[in-house]
Amino acid sequence: MPPVAPVQHEIRVAASEAEQLKLERYKKYHPPTFSRLASDAAVGFLEECHRILRTMGMVETSGVSITAFQLRGAAYQWWRAYELTSTDEAASLTWSQFSEMFLREYVPQSLRDAWRLEFEQLRQGSMTVSEYVVHFSGLARHALALVATVKERVCRFIEGLHPSIRTSMARELEMDITY
């Protein structure tokens, strides 16, 4: 007879009334759910949840638990497995830690590397400045380590502009003009 695996007893902590009210308010924004393994869907899901949570002022206080509530299917099973093996850590995860963990799970490293490389090589080229801004912002979210501060972001942005524009912008940046 094969050995029987020990039964894992789940400790359920009922959500407080305050947490339940927060969840009800959150649901009024029609937040997305996530159950797919598609990389773009994972990034979009996380960004949309963050947008709603930030609007409600709940990113750090309830962001992880409320976003976890929106997980379905395989994504929910992934989270439950994490909770069961890391009960103390799961309760104290910050939004940043949860986001990193979620993206590591649902966006392949090869895709994250490709986005970062595309960002590093981004140049204005034939784009208008407005088009370049949109493209830059879209890719910068995948390369936060490269543009961790506003100054780094501005410098990287200027670096990708047409030479004539870049020279003018760099001169103003040296004079410490803010944009």
Protein backbone atom coordinates (compact mmCIF):
# COMPACT_ATOMS: atom_id res chain seq x y z
CA MET A 1 0.00 0.00 0.00
CA PRO A 2 1.53 3.39 -1.01
CA PRO A 3 2.22 5.89 1.76
CA VAL A 4 -0.57 8.31 2.44
CA ALA A 5 0.28 11.99 2.15
CA PRO A 6 -0.46 13.95 5.30
CA VAL A 7 -3.55 16.09 5.15
CA GLN A 8 -2.76 19.78 5.03
CA HIS A 9 -5.06 21.68 7.30
CA GLU A 10 -5.87 25.04 5.88
CA ILE A 11 -6.06 27.93 8.26
CA ARG A 12 -8.80 30.24 7.06
CA VAL A 13 -8.87 33.73 8.38
CA ALA A 14 -12.18 35.41 7.76
CA ALA A 15 -11.89 38.77 6.08
CA SER A 16 -12.71 41.58 8.44
CA GLU A 17 -15.77 43.69 7.80
CA ALA A 18 -13.48 46.54 6.73
CA GLU A 19 -11.73 44.26 4.21
CA GLN A 20 -15.10 43.08 2.88
CA LEU A 21 -16.20 46.70 2.40
CA LYS A 22 -12.96 47.48 0.56
CA LEU A 23 -13.55 44.50 -1.71
CA GLU A 24 -17.11 45.64 -2.46
CA ARG A 25 -15.85 49.13 -3.34
CA TYR A 26 -13.13 47.61 -5.51
CA LYS A 27 -15.62 45.43 -7.39
CA LYS A 28 -17.56 48.56 -8.42
CA TYR A 29 -14.63 49.41 -10.71
CA HIS A 30 -15.21 46.12 -12.60
CA PRO A 31 -11.67 44.82 -12.08
CA PRO A 32 -10.29 42.22 -14.46
CA THR A 33 -9.81 38.60 -13.52
CA PHE A 34 -6.81 36.55 -14.54
CA SER A 35 -6.67 32.87 -15.36
CA ARG A 36 -4.71 32.71 -18.61
CA LEU A 37 -1.04 32.16 -19.12
CA ALA A 38 -0.69 34.81 -21.85
CA SER A 39 2.13 37.23 -21.05
CA ASP A 40 0.41 40.37 -22.31
CA ALA A 41 -2.72 39.45 -20.37
CA ALA A 42 -0.65 39.05 -17.19
CA VAL A 43 0.95 42.48 -17.54
CA GLY A 44 -2.37 44.12 -18.43
CA PHE A 45 -4.15 42.41 -15.53
CA LEU A 46 -1.56 43.59 -13.03
CA GLU A 47 -1.53 47.15 -14.38
CA GLU A 48 -5.32 47.44 -14.36
CA CYS A 49 -5.56 46.11 -10.80
CA HIS A 50 -2.83 48.53 -9.72
CA ARG A 51 -4.62 51.44 -11.40
CA ILE A 52 -7.85 50.71 -9.53
CA LEU A 53 -6.09 50.08 -6.22
CA ARG A 54 -4.08 53.30 -6.56
CA THR A 55 -7.26 55.25 -7.29
CA MET A 56 -8.78 53.81 -4.14
CA GLY A 57 -5.63 54.39 -2.05
CA MET A 58 -5.32 50.68 -1.25
CA VAL A 59 -2.20 49.49 -3.08
CA GLU A 60 -0.12 48.73 0.00
CA THR A 61 -2.87 48.12 2.54
CA SER A 62 -5.03 45.62 0.64
CA GLY A 63 -3.61 45.37 -2.86
CA VAL A 64 -2.22 41.86 -2.64
CA SER A 65 -5.26 40.24 -1.04
CA ILE A 66 -7.74 42.00 -3.32
CA THR A 67 -5.75 41.22 -6.47
CA ALA A 68 -5.35 37.60 -5.38
CA PHE A 69 -9.15 37.48 -5.10
CA GLN A 70 -9.30 38.24 -8.84
CA LEU A 71 -7.21 35.19 -9.78
CA ARG A 72 -9.03 32.26 -11.37
CA GLY A 73 -8.18 28.73 -12.52
CA ALA A 74 -4.50 27.89 -12.76
CA ALA A 75 -3.52 31.36 -11.55
CA TYR A 76 -5.57 30.89 -8.38
CA GLN A 77 -4.00 27.46 -7.85
CA TRP A 78 -0.54 29.02 -8.18
CA TRP A 79 -1.44 31.59 -5.51
CA ARG A 80 -2.99 29.00 -3.18
CA ALA A 81 0.15 26.86 -3.42
CA TYR A 82 2.22 29.89 -2.49
CA GLU A 83 -0.07 30.71 0.45
CA LEU A 84 0.04 27.16 1.77
CA THR A 85 3.83 26.97 1.64
CA SER A 86 4.55 30.54 2.76
CA THR A 87 1.78 31.45 5.20
CA ASP A 88 3.78 34.12 7.07
CA GLU A 89 5.30 35.61 3.92
CA ALA A 90 2.02 35.67 1.97
CA ALA A 91 0.34 37.78 4.62
CA SER A 92 3.11 40.39 4.59
CA LEU A 93 3.86 40.67 0.87
CA THR A 94 4.11 44.21 -0.44
CA TRP A 95 2.57 45.14 -3.78
CA SER A 96 6.03 45.33 -5.32
CA GLN A 97 6.98 41.85 -4.08
CA PHE A 98 3.68 40.40 -5.29
CA SER A 99 4.06 42.08 -8.70
CA GLU A 100 7.58 40.76 -9.17
CA MET A 101 6.54 37.26 -8.15
CA PHE A 102 3.44 37.34 -10.39
CA LEU A 103 5.36 38.59 -13.44
CA ARG A 104 8.14 36.06 -12.86
CA GLU A 105 5.49 33.34 -12.90
CA TYR A 106 3.43 34.50 -15.89
CA VAL A 107 5.81 36.43 -18.15
CA PRO A 108 8.74 34.35 -19.43
CA GLN A 109 12.20 35.74 -18.71
CA SER A 110 12.98 35.63 -22.43
CA LEU A 111 10.08 38.00 -23.16
CA ARG A 112 11.05 40.34 -20.30
CA ASP A 113 14.63 40.36 -21.64
CA ALA A 114 13.37 41.11 -25.16
CA TRP A 115 11.29 44.06 -23.90
CA ARG A 116 14.26 45.41 -21.94
CA LEU A 117 16.54 45.08 -24.97
CA GLU A 118 13.97 46.82 -27.18
CA PHE A 119 13.84 49.63 -24.63
CA GLU A 120 17.64 49.90 -24.51
CA GLN A 121 17.79 50.17 -28.31
CA LEU A 122 14.81 52.49 -28.71
CA ARG A 123 15.49 55.57 -30.83
CA GLN A 124 13.07 58.15 -32.17
CA GLY A 125 13.95 57.39 -35.78
CA SER A 126 11.04 58.35 -38.05
CA MET A 127 8.55 58.65 -35.17
CA THR A 128 7.16 61.99 -34.10
CA VAL A 129 8.13 63.04 -30.59
CA SER A 130 4.59 62.17 -29.45
CA GLU A 131 4.84 58.68 -30.94
CA TYR A 132 8.26 58.27 -29.36
CA VAL A 133 6.86 59.28 -25.94
CA VAL A 134 4.14 56.62 -26.17
CA HIS A 135 6.57 53.93 -27.32
CA PHE A 136 9.12 54.94 -24.68
CA SER A 137 6.56 54.84 -21.86
CA GLY A 138 5.20 51.48 -23.00
CA LEU A 139 8.63 49.88 -22.96
CA ALA A 140 9.98 51.70 -19.89
CA ARG A 141 7.55 49.81 -17.66
CA HIS A 142 9.49 46.65 -18.53
CA ALA A 143 12.87 48.19 -17.76
CA LEU A 144 12.34 49.85 -14.40
CA ALA A 145 15.84 48.92 -13.24
CA LEU A 146 17.28 51.00 -16.09
CA VAL A 147 15.18 54.08 -15.30
CA ALA A 148 14.67 53.86 -11.55
CA THR A 149 14.71 57.63 -11.02
CA VAL A 150 13.08 60.51 -12.87
CA LYS A 151 16.51 61.82 -13.86
CA GLU A 152 17.53 58.43 -15.34
CA ARG A 153 14.23 58.29 -17.22
CA VAL A 154 14.71 61.80 -18.64
CA CYS A 155 18.32 61.07 -19.62
CA ARG A 156 17.34 57.80 -21.33
CA PHE A 157 14.48 59.56 -23.14
CA ILE A 158 16.77 62.34 -24.37
CA GLU A 159 19.37 59.79 -25.46
CA GLY A 160 16.88 58.29 -27.93
CA LEU A 161 15.80 61.58 -29.54
CA HIS A 162 17.00 62.87 -32.94
CA PRO A 163 20.47 64.42 -32.57
CA SER A 164 19.23 67.98 -33.16
CA ILE A 165 16.56 67.67 -30.47
CA ARG A 166 18.85 65.71 -28.15
CA THR A 167 21.54 68.42 -28.20
CA SER A 168 19.05 71.10 -27.21
CA MET A 169 17.46 68.96 -24.50
CA ALA A 170 20.82 67.85 -23.06
CA ARG A 171 21.96 71.49 -22.79
CA GLU A 172 18.80 72.38 -20.86
CA LEU A 173 19.21 69.33 -18.65
CA GLU A 174 22.74 70.42 -17.76
CA MET A 175 21.33 73.80 -16.75
CA ASP A 176 18.97 71.84 -14.45
CA ILE A 177 15.77 72.90 -16.20
CA THR A 178 12.87 70.68 -15.18
CA TYR A 179 10.32 69.37 -17.66
